[in-house]
């Protein structure tokens, strides 16, 4: 499900149903939701009409395929744990600055998933207030596997391995009135001219890794290992956002930021916490056609975060979301527009 609200501050929340979360983790997630949905962020500046054509009264209907995941990798061991996620089919709409998307994982598209693995919870929020882009993550993945296996084994399954990631990533867009991410993401507006702007921001993440047995396979690491760890990472980031209008509705939009922050860890094998410099990257790309009636969009969002080394191993968490979207736009009658406006959830947060 995806929810966008506050007509002056675009908010997109994405989540997938799962098992219950730990109380502390649940509190962190709903703190983020409360912060964003109560409209504490500044109002969106009007777009520069020579660059962006925005029309909230156009009803954008969409169908899409998507996949979301959070992986855990150990580059020094050439090892990567993949979650038990798969492809989702969905439908949705955007109208009067409100977006709702519903998706489910059909069985015929996910025959390689492990049926007995625990379910997971994946919450992603994307907020577009005044010259800002803000992403937050609340991801609770239960059950991992190495699809290629280890050695001669065909598969390596870890239903006991859990990864929790909660964080926020914020960027200030210096020329935010000339670049419309809603036009690229939801196709609720149309980017008329190409534009480029620097980004500057900050990010903060907490990651927990835990299992009922040792994290790394004993076949690969028989001596040094660990069973649980708690990580924190924070620091500034900088990068670029740009959109290229190719003519007659075709566009390419992307952002990239790099982060160099401080990180630490607490785990069952360590005597205390040590702070070191760690890096991270965040990238998103949108490519498609956005016309007055039809649209198509292929997009990919990816965040990689290098965690504090444990027992001399380098380790990373990668979060991704890619989608293929088909869009059809109509202009409803004045009666429908008036009725929808009365019950539009976005009105609650605009007051």
C-alpha atoms as a PDB file:
ATOM      1  CA  UNK A   1       0.000   0.000   0.000  1.00  0.00           C
ATOM      2  CA  UNK A   2       1.177   3.522  -0.757  1.00  0.00           C
ATOM      3  CA  UNK A   3      -0.173   6.697   0.705  1.00  0.00           C
ATOM      4  CA  UNK A   4       0.600  10.246  -0.346  1.00  0.00           C
ATOM      5  CA  UNK A   5      -0.903  13.161   1.514  1.00  0.00           C
ATOM      6  CA  UNK A   6      -0.595  16.866   2.323  1.00  0.00           C
ATOM      7  CA  UNK A   7      -1.261  18.799  -0.914  1.00  0.00           C
ATOM      8  CA  UNK A   8       1.537  21.256  -0.181  1.00  0.00           C
ATOM      9  CA  UNK A   9       4.031  18.633   0.876  1.00  0.00           C
ATOM     10  CA  UNK A  10       4.005  15.436  -1.144  1.00  0.00           C
ATOM     11  CA  UNK A  11       4.296  12.306   0.978  1.00  0.00           C
ATOM     12  CA  UNK A  12       4.570   8.751  -0.289  1.00  0.00           C
ATOM     13  CA  UNK A  13       4.465   5.838   2.123  1.00  0.00           C
ATOM     14  CA  UNK A  14       5.014   2.270   0.923  1.00  0.00           C
ATOM     15  CA  UNK A  15       4.632  -0.839   3.034  1.00  0.00           C
ATOM     16  CA  UNK A  16       4.092  -4.569   2.793  1.00  0.00           C
ATOM     17  CA  UNK A  17       2.316  -6.754   5.345  1.00  0.00           C
ATOM     18  CA  UNK A  18       4.327  -9.048   7.617  1.00  0.00           C
ATOM     19  CA  UNK A  19       4.684 -10.564  11.038  1.00  0.00           C
ATOM     20  CA  UNK A  20       4.408  -8.329  14.129  1.00  0.00           C
ATOM     21  CA  UNK A  21       7.434  -6.103  14.835  1.00  0.00           C
ATOM     22  CA  UNK A  22       9.351  -5.731  18.084  1.00  0.00           C
ATOM     23  CA  UNK A  23       7.888  -2.952  20.234  1.00  0.00           C
ATOM     24  CA  UNK A  24      10.988  -0.717  20.045  1.00  0.00           C
ATOM     25  CA  UNK A  25      11.209  -1.040  16.258  1.00  0.00           C
ATOM     26  CA  UNK A  26       7.483  -0.433  15.908  1.00  0.00           C
ATOM     27  CA  UNK A  27       7.815   2.739  17.958  1.00  0.00           C
ATOM     28  CA  UNK A  28      10.590   4.047  15.696  1.00  0.00           C
ATOM     29  CA  UNK A  29       8.511   3.450  12.572  1.00  0.00           C
ATOM     30  CA  UNK A  30       5.420   5.173  13.887  1.00  0.00           C
ATOM     31  CA  UNK A  31       7.534   8.076  15.132  1.00  0.00           C
ATOM     32  CA  UNK A  32       8.580   8.659  11.522  1.00  0.00           C
ATOM     33  CA  UNK A  33       4.980   8.369  10.330  1.00  0.00           C
ATOM     34  CA  UNK A  34       3.775  10.836  12.949  1.00  0.00           C
ATOM     35  CA  UNK A  35       6.523  13.298  12.063  1.00  0.00           C
ATOM     36  CA  UNK A  36       5.712  13.313   8.358  1.00  0.00           C
ATOM     37  CA  UNK A  37       1.955  12.970   8.379  1.00  0.00           C
ATOM     38  CA  UNK A  38       1.293  15.781  10.854  1.00  0.00           C
ATOM     39  CA  UNK A  39       2.595  18.270   8.311  1.00  0.00           C
ATOM     40  CA  UNK A  40       5.596  19.468  10.302  1.00  0.00           C
ATOM     41  CA  UNK A  41       7.550  19.942   7.083  1.00  0.00           C
ATOM     42  CA  UNK A  42       7.554  23.226   5.171  1.00  0.00           C
ATOM     43  CA  UNK A  43       5.057  23.791   2.374  1.00  0.00           C
ATOM     44  CA  UNK A  44       6.028  23.038  -1.224  1.00  0.00           C
ATOM     45  CA  UNK A  45       7.087  26.027  -3.284  1.00  0.00           C
ATOM     46  CA  UNK A  46       5.169  26.521  -6.536  1.00  0.00           C
ATOM     47  CA  UNK A  47       6.847  24.958  -9.541  1.00  0.00           C
ATOM     48  CA  UNK A  48       8.476  27.219 -12.112  1.00  0.00           C
ATOM     49  CA  UNK A  49       5.837  26.971 -14.859  1.00  0.00           C
ATOM     50  CA  UNK A  50       8.446  27.296 -17.601  1.00  0.00           C
ATOM     51  CA  UNK A  51       9.997  24.012 -16.370  1.00  0.00           C
ATOM     52  CA  UNK A  52       7.106  22.015 -14.861  1.00  0.00           C
ATOM     53  CA  UNK A  53       3.436  21.668 -15.806  1.00  0.00           C
ATOM     54  CA  UNK A  54       1.561  20.520 -12.697  1.00  0.00           C
ATOM     55  CA  UNK A  55      -2.167  19.753 -12.659  1.00  0.00           C
ATOM     56  CA  UNK A  56      -3.645  18.192  -9.497  1.00  0.00           C
ATOM     57  CA  UNK A  57      -7.059  17.778 -11.173  1.00  0.00           C
ATOM     58  CA  UNK A  58      -5.817  15.080 -13.581  1.00  0.00           C
ATOM     59  CA  UNK A  59      -6.573  11.546 -12.374  1.00  0.00           C
ATOM     60  CA  UNK A  60      -3.523   9.325 -12.932  1.00  0.00           C
ATOM     61  CA  UNK A  61      -4.384   5.605 -13.065  1.00  0.00           C
ATOM     62  CA  UNK A  62      -1.549   3.078 -12.976  1.00  0.00           C
ATOM     63  CA  UNK A  63      -0.739  -0.615 -13.010  1.00  0.00           C
ATOM     64  CA  UNK A  64       2.716  -1.878 -12.186  1.00  0.00           C
ATOM     65  CA  UNK A  65       5.151  -4.645 -11.341  1.00  0.00           C
ATOM     66  CA  UNK A  66       7.600  -4.109  -8.489  1.00  0.00           C
ATOM     67  CA  UNK A  67      10.154  -5.777  -6.275  1.00  0.00           C
ATOM     68  CA  UNK A  68      11.565  -4.501  -2.966  1.00  0.00           C
ATOM     69  CA  UNK A  69      14.394  -6.047  -1.015  1.00  0.00           C
ATOM     70  CA  UNK A  70      17.075  -5.516   1.646  1.00  0.00           C
ATOM     71  CA  UNK A  71      20.167  -7.702   1.255  1.00  0.00           C
ATOM     72  CA  UNK A  72      23.101  -8.390   3.586  1.00  0.00           C
ATOM     73  CA  UNK A  73      26.501  -8.925   1.969  1.00  0.00           C
ATOM     74  CA  UNK A  74      30.083  -9.609   3.060  1.00  0.00           C
ATOM     75  CA  UNK A  75      32.329  -8.463   0.167  1.00  0.00           C
ATOM     76  CA  UNK A  76      35.499  -9.800   1.790  1.00  0.00           C
ATOM     77  CA  UNK A  77      33.958 -13.291   1.740  1.00  0.00           C
ATOM     78  CA  UNK A  78      32.138 -12.863  -1.598  1.00  0.00           C
ATOM     79  CA  UNK A  79      28.926 -13.729   0.256  1.00  0.00           C
ATOM     80  CA  UNK A  80      25.470 -12.202  -0.151  1.00  0.00           C
ATOM     81  CA  UNK A  81      22.281 -13.075   1.688  1.00  0.00           C
ATOM     82  CA  UNK A  82      19.084 -12.406  -0.272  1.00  0.00           C
ATOM     83  CA  UNK A  83      15.641 -12.000   1.340  1.00  0.00           C
ATOM     84  CA  UNK A  84      12.674 -14.155   0.443  1.00  0.00           C
ATOM     85  CA  UNK A  85      10.960 -11.342  -1.468  1.00  0.00           C
ATOM     86  CA  UNK A  86       9.569 -11.513  -5.000  1.00  0.00           C
ATOM     87  CA  UNK A  87       7.596  -9.709  -7.680  1.00  0.00           C
ATOM     88  CA  UNK A  88       4.424  -7.805  -6.828  1.00  0.00           C
ATOM     89  CA  UNK A  89       1.548  -6.789  -9.097  1.00  0.00           C
ATOM     90  CA  UNK A  90      -0.273  -3.589  -8.254  1.00  0.00           C
ATOM     91  CA  UNK A  91      -2.746  -0.906  -9.249  1.00  0.00           C
ATOM     92  CA  UNK A  92      -3.135   2.641  -8.009  1.00  0.00           C
ATOM     93  CA  UNK A  93      -4.008   6.256  -8.706  1.00  0.00           C
ATOM     94  CA  UNK A  94      -2.903   9.829  -8.026  1.00  0.00           C
ATOM     95  CA  UNK A  95      -5.502  12.594  -7.755  1.00  0.00           C
ATOM     96  CA  UNK A  96      -5.586  15.963  -6.009  1.00  0.00           C
ATOM     97  CA  UNK A  97      -2.132  15.293  -4.512  1.00  0.00           C
ATOM     98  CA  UNK A  98      -3.247  11.991  -2.991  1.00  0.00           C
ATOM     99  CA  UNK A  99      -1.715   8.680  -4.110  1.00  0.00           C
ATOM    100  CA  UNK A 100      -2.894   5.177  -3.240  1.00  0.00           C
ATOM    101  CA  UNK A 101      -1.294   1.989  -4.584  1.00  0.00           C
ATOM    102  CA  UNK A 102      -2.199  -1.602  -3.706  1.00  0.00           C
ATOM    103  CA  UNK A 103      -0.036  -4.599  -4.606  1.00  0.00           C
ATOM    104  CA  UNK A 104       0.233  -8.324  -3.893  1.00  0.00           C
ATOM    105  CA  UNK A 105       2.727 -11.104  -4.806  1.00  0.00           C
ATOM    106  CA  UNK A 106       0.953 -13.570  -7.151  1.00  0.00           C
ATOM    107  CA  UNK A 107       2.082 -17.154  -6.865  1.00  0.00           C
ATOM    108  CA  UNK A 108       2.763 -17.674 -10.584  1.00  0.00           C
ATOM    109  CA  UNK A 109       5.389 -14.901 -10.497  1.00  0.00           C
ATOM    110  CA  UNK A 110       7.058 -16.152  -7.307  1.00  0.00           C
ATOM    111  CA  UNK A 111       7.543 -19.891  -7.662  1.00  0.00           C
ATOM    112  CA  UNK A 112      11.135 -19.682  -6.381  1.00  0.00           C
ATOM    113  CA  UNK A 113      10.147 -18.207  -3.008  1.00  0.00           C
ATOM    114  CA  UNK A 114      10.439 -20.376   0.089  1.00  0.00           C
ATOM    115  CA  UNK A 115       6.832 -21.048   1.195  1.00  0.00           C
ATOM    116  CA  UNK A 116       7.664 -21.768   4.848  1.00  0.00           C
ATOM    117  CA  UNK A 117       9.848 -18.699   5.499  1.00  0.00           C
ATOM    118  CA  UNK A 118       8.640 -15.970   7.869  1.00  0.00           C
ATOM    119  CA  UNK A 119       6.975 -12.951   6.316  1.00  0.00           C
ATOM    120  CA  UNK A 120       8.587  -9.526   6.265  1.00  0.00           C
ATOM    121  CA  UNK A 121       7.597  -5.892   6.759  1.00  0.00           C
ATOM    122  CA  UNK A 122       8.952  -3.231   4.379  1.00  0.00           C
ATOM    123  CA  UNK A 123       8.043   0.421   4.876  1.00  0.00           C
ATOM    124  CA  UNK A 124       9.470   3.162   2.654  1.00  0.00           C
ATOM    125  CA  UNK A 125       8.434   6.809   2.752  1.00  0.00           C
ATOM    126  CA  UNK A 126       9.332   9.510   0.235  1.00  0.00           C
ATOM    127  CA  UNK A 127       8.519  13.134   1.019  1.00  0.00           C
ATOM    128  CA  UNK A 128       8.841  16.135  -1.310  1.00  0.00           C
ATOM    129  CA  UNK A 129       8.469  19.302   0.759  1.00  0.00           C
ATOM    130  CA  UNK A 130       9.828  22.717  -0.174  1.00  0.00           C
ATOM    131  CA  UNK A 131      13.036  22.090  -2.172  1.00  0.00           C
ATOM    132  CA  UNK A 132      13.694  18.849  -0.290  1.00  0.00           C
ATOM    133  CA  UNK A 133      13.709  15.126  -0.986  1.00  0.00           C
ATOM    134  CA  UNK A 134      13.359  12.980   2.132  1.00  0.00           C
ATOM    135  CA  UNK A 135      13.377   9.176   2.215  1.00  0.00           C
ATOM    136  CA  UNK A 136      12.830   7.079   5.289  1.00  0.00           C
ATOM    137  CA  UNK A 137      13.071   3.331   5.728  1.00  0.00           C
ATOM    138  CA  UNK A 138      11.566   0.912   8.230  1.00  0.00           C
ATOM    139  CA  UNK A 139      12.435  -2.591   7.049  1.00  0.00           C
ATOM    140  CA  UNK A 140      12.085  -5.816   9.006  1.00  0.00           C
ATOM    141  CA  UNK A 141      13.200  -8.826   6.995  1.00  0.00           C
ATOM    142  CA  UNK A 142      12.909 -12.312   8.467  1.00  0.00           C
ATOM    143  CA  UNK A 143      14.492 -15.210   6.620  1.00  0.00           C
ATOM    144  CA  UNK A 144      17.369 -15.147   4.116  1.00  0.00           C
ATOM    145  CA  UNK A 145      19.073 -17.458   1.660  1.00  0.00           C
ATOM    146  CA  UNK A 146      22.060 -17.767  -0.643  1.00  0.00           C
ATOM    147  CA  UNK A 147      20.352 -18.868  -3.890  1.00  0.00           C
ATOM    148  CA  UNK A 148      23.532 -20.270  -5.455  1.00  0.00           C
ATOM    149  CA  UNK A 149      24.371 -22.209  -2.331  1.00  0.00           C
ATOM    150  CA  UNK A 150      27.782 -22.810  -0.778  1.00  0.00           C
ATOM    151  CA  UNK A 151      30.229 -25.184  -2.429  1.00  0.00           C
ATOM    152  CA  UNK A 152      28.389 -28.124  -3.962  1.00  0.00           C
ATOM    153  CA  UNK A 153      25.181 -27.423  -2.046  1.00  0.00           C
ATOM    154  CA  UNK A 154      22.363 -26.119  -4.245  1.00  0.00           C
ATOM    155  CA  UNK A 155      20.961 -23.678  -1.701  1.00  0.00           C
ATOM    156  CA  UNK A 156      21.757 -22.265   1.700  1.00  0.00           C
ATOM    157  CA  UNK A 157      18.641 -21.358   3.692  1.00  0.00           C
ATOM    158  CA  UNK A 158      18.557 -19.217   6.845  1.00  0.00           C
ATOM    159  CA  UNK A 159      14.959 -18.776   8.023  1.00  0.00           C
ATOM    160  CA  UNK A 160      16.400 -17.739  11.414  1.00  0.00           C
ATOM    161  CA  UNK A 161      18.355 -14.727  10.075  1.00  0.00           C
ATOM    162  CA  UNK A 162      16.715 -11.326  10.687  1.00  0.00           C
ATOM    163  CA  UNK A 163      17.758  -7.869   9.461  1.00  0.00           C
ATOM    164  CA  UNK A 164      16.210  -4.663  10.796  1.00  0.00           C
ATOM    165  CA  UNK A 165      16.937  -1.308   9.167  1.00  0.00           C
ATOM    166  CA  UNK A 166      15.452   2.043  10.220  1.00  0.00           C
ATOM    167  CA  UNK A 167      16.751   5.314   8.824  1.00  0.00           C
ATOM    168  CA  UNK A 168      16.230   8.676   7.194  1.00  0.00           C
ATOM    169  CA  UNK A 169      17.947  10.230   4.175  1.00  0.00           C
ATOM    170  CA  UNK A 170      17.341  13.934   3.435  1.00  0.00           C
ATOM    171  CA  UNK A 171      18.592  16.214   0.652  1.00  0.00           C
ATOM    172  CA  UNK A 172      18.122  19.899  -0.094  1.00  0.00           C
ATOM    173  CA  UNK A 173      17.578  20.650  -3.819  1.00  0.00           C
ATOM    174  CA  UNK A 174      19.070  24.051  -4.587  1.00  0.00           C
ATOM    175  CA  UNK A 175      16.946  24.428  -7.751  1.00  0.00           C
ATOM    176  CA  UNK A 176      13.952  22.452  -6.503  1.00  0.00           C
ATOM    177  CA  UNK A 177      11.344  24.620  -8.247  1.00  0.00           C
ATOM    178  CA  UNK A 178      12.719  23.539 -11.649  1.00  0.00           C
ATOM    179  CA  UNK A 179      12.872  19.755 -11.123  1.00  0.00           C
ATOM    180  CA  UNK A 180       9.727  17.751 -10.332  1.00  0.00           C
ATOM    181  CA  UNK A 181      10.249  14.330  -8.799  1.00  0.00           C
ATOM    182  CA  UNK A 182       6.445  13.804  -8.652  1.00  0.00           C
ATOM    183  CA  UNK A 183       6.448  14.143 -12.455  1.00  0.00           C
ATOM    184  CA  UNK A 184       9.036  11.369 -12.678  1.00  0.00           C
ATOM    185  CA  UNK A 185       7.730   9.159  -9.865  1.00  0.00           C
ATOM    186  CA  UNK A 186       3.925   9.467 -10.187  1.00  0.00           C
ATOM    187  CA  UNK A 187       3.714  11.202 -13.596  1.00  0.00           C
ATOM    188  CA  UNK A 188       1.214  13.568 -11.986  1.00  0.00           C
ATOM    189  CA  UNK A 189       2.972  16.487 -13.686  1.00  0.00           C
ATOM    190  CA  UNK A 190       5.052  16.937 -16.813  1.00  0.00           C
ATOM    191  CA  UNK A 191       8.663  18.100 -16.894  1.00  0.00           C
ATOM    192  CA  UNK A 192       8.874  20.569 -19.791  1.00  0.00           C
ATOM    193  CA  UNK A 193      12.574  21.456 -19.774  1.00  0.00           C
ATOM    194  CA  UNK A 194      15.795  19.774 -18.686  1.00  0.00           C
ATOM    195  CA  UNK A 195      17.345  20.892 -15.387  1.00  0.00           C
ATOM    196  CA  UNK A 196      20.247  20.083 -13.062  1.00  0.00           C
ATOM    197  CA  UNK A 197      20.817  20.918  -9.402  1.00  0.00           C
ATOM    198  CA  UNK A 198      23.285  20.057  -6.619  1.00  0.00           C
ATOM    199  CA  UNK A 199      22.089  18.249  -3.498  1.00  0.00           C
ATOM    200  CA  UNK A 200      23.264  18.558   0.082  1.00  0.00           C
ATOM    201  CA  UNK A 201      21.899  16.673   3.061  1.00  0.00           C
ATOM    202  CA  UNK A 202      22.226  14.319   5.997  1.00  0.00           C
ATOM    203  CA  UNK A 203      21.387  10.714   6.840  1.00  0.00           C
ATOM    204  CA  UNK A 204      20.984   8.522   9.895  1.00  0.00           C
ATOM    205  CA  UNK A 205      20.530   4.732  10.040  1.00  0.00           C
ATOM    206  CA  UNK A 206      20.260   1.975  12.588  1.00  0.00           C
ATOM    207  CA  UNK A 207      20.698  -1.665  11.523  1.00  0.00           C
ATOM    208  CA  UNK A 208      20.307  -4.814  13.596  1.00  0.00           C
ATOM    209  CA  UNK A 209      21.423  -8.289  12.457  1.00  0.00           C
ATOM    210  CA  UNK A 210      20.543 -11.372  14.502  1.00  0.00           C
ATOM    211  CA  UNK A 211      20.109 -15.119  14.112  1.00  0.00           C
ATOM    212  CA  UNK A 212      19.589 -18.251  16.187  1.00  0.00           C
ATOM    213  CA  UNK A 213      23.080 -19.421  15.168  1.00  0.00           C
ATOM    214  CA  UNK A 214      26.252 -17.851  13.758  1.00  0.00           C
ATOM    215  CA  UNK A 215      25.684 -15.311  10.956  1.00  0.00           C
ATOM    216  CA  UNK A 216      28.436 -16.467   8.604  1.00  0.00           C
ATOM    217  CA  UNK A 217      28.410 -20.088   7.393  1.00  0.00           C
ATOM    218  CA  UNK A 218      30.896 -22.130   9.417  1.00  0.00           C
ATOM    219  CA  UNK A 219      31.993 -23.812   6.161  1.00  0.00           C
ATOM    220  CA  UNK A 220      33.510 -20.475   5.081  1.00  0.00           C
ATOM    221  CA  UNK A 221      34.504 -18.939   8.412  1.00  0.00           C
ATOM    222  CA  UNK A 222      35.161 -21.697  10.957  1.00  0.00           C
ATOM    223  CA  UNK A 223      36.860 -19.518  13.606  1.00  0.00           C
ATOM    224  CA  UNK A 224      35.745 -15.880  13.720  1.00  0.00           C
ATOM    225  CA  UNK A 225      32.030 -15.262  13.655  1.00  0.00           C
ATOM    226  CA  UNK A 226      29.180 -13.546  15.462  1.00  0.00           C
ATOM    227  CA  UNK A 227      25.498 -14.144  16.168  1.00  0.00           C
ATOM    228  CA  UNK A 228      24.068 -10.648  16.557  1.00  0.00           C
ATOM    229  CA  UNK A 229      25.109  -7.019  16.120  1.00  0.00           C
ATOM    230  CA  UNK A 230      23.597  -3.548  16.401  1.00  0.00           C
ATOM    231  CA  UNK A 231      24.884  -0.819  14.045  1.00  0.00           C
ATOM    232  CA  UNK A 232      24.466   2.936  13.810  1.00  0.00           C
ATOM    233  CA  UNK A 233      25.594   5.252  10.987  1.00  0.00           C
ATOM    234  CA  UNK A 234      25.187   8.999  10.561  1.00  0.00           C
ATOM    235  CA  UNK A 235      26.754  11.812   8.599  1.00  0.00           C
ATOM    236  CA  UNK A 236      26.423  14.329   5.728  1.00  0.00           C
ATOM    237  CA  UNK A 237      25.896  13.556   2.054  1.00  0.00           C
ATOM    238  CA  UNK A 238      26.148  15.463  -1.226  1.00  0.00           C
ATOM    239  CA  UNK A 239      25.344  14.832  -4.864  1.00  0.00           C
ATOM    240  CA  UNK A 240      23.345  15.843  -7.934  1.00  0.00           C
ATOM    241  CA  UNK A 241      19.790  15.589  -9.265  1.00  0.00           C
ATOM    242  CA  UNK A 242      18.996  16.037 -12.930  1.00  0.00           C
ATOM    243  CA  UNK A 243      16.255  15.514 -15.452  1.00  0.00           C
ATOM    244  CA  UNK A 244      16.666  15.285 -19.213  1.00  0.00           C
ATOM    245  CA  UNK A 245      13.664  15.994 -21.421  1.00  0.00           C
ATOM    246  CA  UNK A 246      14.171  14.210 -24.730  1.00  0.00           C
ATOM    247  CA  UNK A 247      11.210  15.721 -26.567  1.00  0.00           C
ATOM    248  CA  UNK A 248       7.538  14.811 -27.019  1.00  0.00           C
ATOM    249  CA  UNK A 249       7.166  13.400 -23.510  1.00  0.00           C
ATOM    250  CA  UNK A 250      10.265  11.230 -23.183  1.00  0.00           C
ATOM    251  CA  UNK A 251      12.362  11.854 -20.090  1.00  0.00           C
ATOM    252  CA  UNK A 252      15.185  10.555 -17.908  1.00  0.00           C
ATOM    253  CA  UNK A 253      15.507  11.659 -14.275  1.00  0.00           C
ATOM    254  CA  UNK A 254      18.105  10.604 -11.748  1.00  0.00           C
ATOM    255  CA  UNK A 255      19.776  11.442  -8.472  1.00  0.00           C
ATOM    256  CA  UNK A 256      22.991  10.309  -6.863  1.00  0.00           C
ATOM    257  CA  UNK A 257      24.444  11.144  -3.462  1.00  0.00           C
ATOM    258  CA  UNK A 258      27.492   9.916  -1.610  1.00  0.00           C
ATOM    259  CA  UNK A 259      27.813   9.799   2.165  1.00  0.00           C
ATOM    260  CA  UNK A 260      30.838   9.697   4.457  1.00  0.00           C
ATOM    261  CA  UNK A 261      29.747   9.319   8.044  1.00  0.00           C
ATOM    262  CA  UNK A 262      30.694   7.820  11.353  1.00  0.00           C
ATOM    263  CA  UNK A 263      29.492   4.411  12.409  1.00  0.00           C
ATOM    264  CA  UNK A 264      29.715   2.049  15.329  1.00  0.00           C
ATOM    265  CA  UNK A 265      28.466  -1.342  16.442  1.00  0.00           C
ATOM    266  CA  UNK A 266      27.534  -3.234  19.568  1.00  0.00           C
ATOM    267  CA  UNK A 267      27.496  -7.015  19.327  1.00  0.00           C
ATOM    268  CA  UNK A 268      27.605 -10.085  21.518  1.00  0.00           C
ATOM    269  CA  UNK A 269      31.325 -10.647  20.901  1.00  0.00           C
ATOM    270  CA  UNK A 270      32.638  -7.089  21.383  1.00  0.00           C
ATOM    271  CA  UNK A 271      33.615  -5.476  24.652  1.00  0.00           C
ATOM    272  CA  UNK A 272      32.454  -2.014  23.588  1.00  0.00           C
ATOM    273  CA  UNK A 273      31.661   0.315  20.726  1.00  0.00           C
ATOM    274  CA  UNK A 274      34.290   1.711  18.341  1.00  0.00           C
ATOM    275  CA  UNK A 275      33.607   4.620  15.993  1.00  0.00           C
ATOM    276  CA  UNK A 276      35.026   4.710  12.453  1.00  0.00           C
ATOM    277  CA  UNK A 277      34.379   6.410   9.127  1.00  0.00           C
ATOM    278  CA  UNK A 278      32.074   4.473   6.773  1.00  0.00           C
ATOM    279  CA  UNK A 279      30.591   5.298   3.393  1.00  0.00           C
ATOM    280  CA  UNK A 280      27.237   4.980   1.662  1.00  0.00           C
ATOM    281  CA  UNK A 281      25.553   5.803  -1.655  1.00  0.00           C
ATOM    282  CA  UNK A 282      21.975   6.511  -2.686  1.00  0.00           C
ATOM    283  CA  UNK A 283      20.821   6.471  -6.318  1.00  0.00           C
ATOM    284  CA  UNK A 284      17.526   6.600  -8.158  1.00  0.00           C
ATOM    285  CA  UNK A 285      16.719   6.555 -11.856  1.00  0.00           C
ATOM    286  CA  UNK A 286      13.460   7.072 -13.792  1.00  0.00           C
ATOM    287  CA  UNK A 287      13.172   6.519 -17.530  1.00  0.00           C
ATOM    288  CA  UNK A 288      10.022   6.668 -19.594  1.00  0.00           C
ATOM    289  CA  UNK A 289       7.355   8.513 -21.517  1.00  0.00           C
ATOM    290  CA  UNK A 290       5.015  10.991 -19.817  1.00  0.00           C
ATOM    291  CA  UNK A 291       2.341  12.360 -22.111  1.00  0.00           C
ATOM    292  CA  UNK A 292      -0.982  14.131 -21.563  1.00  0.00           C
ATOM    293  CA  UNK A 293      -2.939  10.844 -21.736  1.00  0.00           C
ATOM    294  CA  UNK A 294      -0.544   7.876 -21.510  1.00  0.00           C
ATOM    295  CA  UNK A 295       2.687   7.131 -19.682  1.00  0.00           C
ATOM    296  CA  UNK A 296       5.207   4.374 -19.087  1.00  0.00           C
ATOM    297  CA  UNK A 297       7.963   4.372 -16.509  1.00  0.00           C
ATOM    298  CA  UNK A 298      10.847   2.101 -15.536  1.00  0.00           C
ATOM    299  CA  UNK A 299      12.518   3.142 -12.294  1.00  0.00           C
ATOM    300  CA  UNK A 300      15.012   1.880  -9.763  1.00  0.00           C
ATOM    301  CA  UNK A 301      15.937   3.177  -6.307  1.00  0.00           C
ATOM    302  CA  UNK A 302      18.961   1.747  -4.508  1.00  0.00           C
ATOM    303  CA  UNK A 303      20.691   2.528  -1.209  1.00  0.00           C
ATOM    304  CA  UNK A 304      23.911   0.862  -0.123  1.00  0.00           C
ATOM    305  CA  UNK A 305      25.353   1.310   3.353  1.00  0.00           C
ATOM    306  CA  UNK A 306      28.747   0.060   4.508  1.00  0.00           C
ATOM    307  CA  UNK A 307      28.413  -1.098   8.116  1.00  0.00           C
ATOM    308  CA  UNK A 308      31.041  -1.007  10.804  1.00  0.00           C
ATOM    309  CA  UNK A 309      33.356  -4.037  10.358  1.00  0.00           C
ATOM    310  CA  UNK A 310      32.838  -6.870  12.822  1.00  0.00           C
ATOM    311  CA  UNK A 311      35.633  -9.380  13.437  1.00  0.00           C
ATOM    312  CA  UNK A 312      37.589  -7.735  10.556  1.00  0.00           C
ATOM    313  CA  UNK A 313      34.872  -8.438   7.952  1.00  0.00           C
ATOM    314  CA  UNK A 314      33.532  -5.762   5.659  1.00  0.00           C
ATOM    315  CA  UNK A 315      29.759  -5.901   5.420  1.00  0.00           C
ATOM    316  CA  UNK A 316      27.059  -3.930   3.639  1.00  0.00           C
ATOM    317  CA  UNK A 317      23.288  -3.598   3.600  1.00  0.00           C
ATOM    318  CA  UNK A 318      21.686  -2.880   0.227  1.00  0.00           C
ATOM    319  CA  UNK A 319      18.065  -1.698  -0.126  1.00  0.00           C
ATOM    320  CA  UNK A 320      16.419  -1.645  -3.537  1.00  0.00           C
ATOM    321  CA  UNK A 321      13.053  -1.068  -5.174  1.00  0.00           C
ATOM    322  CA  UNK A 322      12.460  -1.366  -8.905  1.00  0.00           C
ATOM    323  CA  UNK A 323       9.188  -0.961 -10.794  1.00  0.00           C
ATOM    324  CA  UNK A 324       7.666  -1.060 -14.257  1.00  0.00           C
ATOM    325  CA  UNK A 325       4.605   1.219 -14.504  1.00  0.00           C
ATOM    326  CA  UNK A 326       1.870   1.824 -17.084  1.00  0.00           C
ATOM    327  CA  UNK A 327      -0.138   5.046 -16.706  1.00  0.00           C
ATOM    328  CA  UNK A 328      -3.438   6.329 -18.091  1.00  0.00           C
ATOM    329  CA  UNK A 329      -4.692   9.858 -17.350  1.00  0.00           C
ATOM    330  CA  UNK A 330      -8.240  11.242 -17.395  1.00  0.00           C
ATOM    331  CA  UNK A 331      -9.927  14.423 -16.217  1.00  0.00           C
ATOM    332  CA  UNK A 332     -12.973  13.600 -14.038  1.00  0.00           C
ATOM    333  CA  UNK A 333     -16.153  15.637 -14.008  1.00  0.00           C
ATOM    334  CA  UNK A 334     -16.559  18.636 -11.720  1.00  0.00           C
ATOM    335  CA  UNK A 335     -19.074  16.688  -9.623  1.00  0.00           C
ATOM    336  CA  UNK A 336     -16.590  13.869  -9.016  1.00  0.00           C
ATOM    337  CA  UNK A 337     -13.802  16.360  -8.251  1.00  0.00           C
ATOM    338  CA  UNK A 338     -15.951  18.169  -5.709  1.00  0.00           C
ATOM    339  CA  UNK A 339     -17.069  14.944  -4.001  1.00  0.00           C
ATOM    340  CA  UNK A 340     -13.538  13.550  -3.855  1.00  0.00           C
ATOM    341  CA  UNK A 341     -12.226  16.792  -2.417  1.00  0.00           C
ATOM    342  CA  UNK A 342     -14.593  16.526   0.567  1.00  0.00           C
ATOM    343  CA  UNK A 343     -13.203  13.142   1.597  1.00  0.00           C
ATOM    344  CA  UNK A 344      -9.626  13.469   0.347  1.00  0.00           C
ATOM    345  CA  UNK A 345      -7.334  12.397   3.237  1.00  0.00           C
ATOM    346  CA  UNK A 346      -4.854  15.039   2.099  1.00  0.00           C
ATOM    347  CA  UNK A 347      -7.264  17.723   3.367  1.00  0.00           C
ATOM    348  CA  UNK A 348      -6.665  16.567   6.944  1.00  0.00           C
ATOM    349  CA  UNK A 349      -2.985  17.430   6.734  1.00  0.00           C
ATOM    350  CA  UNK A 350      -3.399  20.670   4.791  1.00  0.00           C
ATOM    351  CA  UNK A 351      -5.159  22.474   7.668  1.00  0.00           C
END
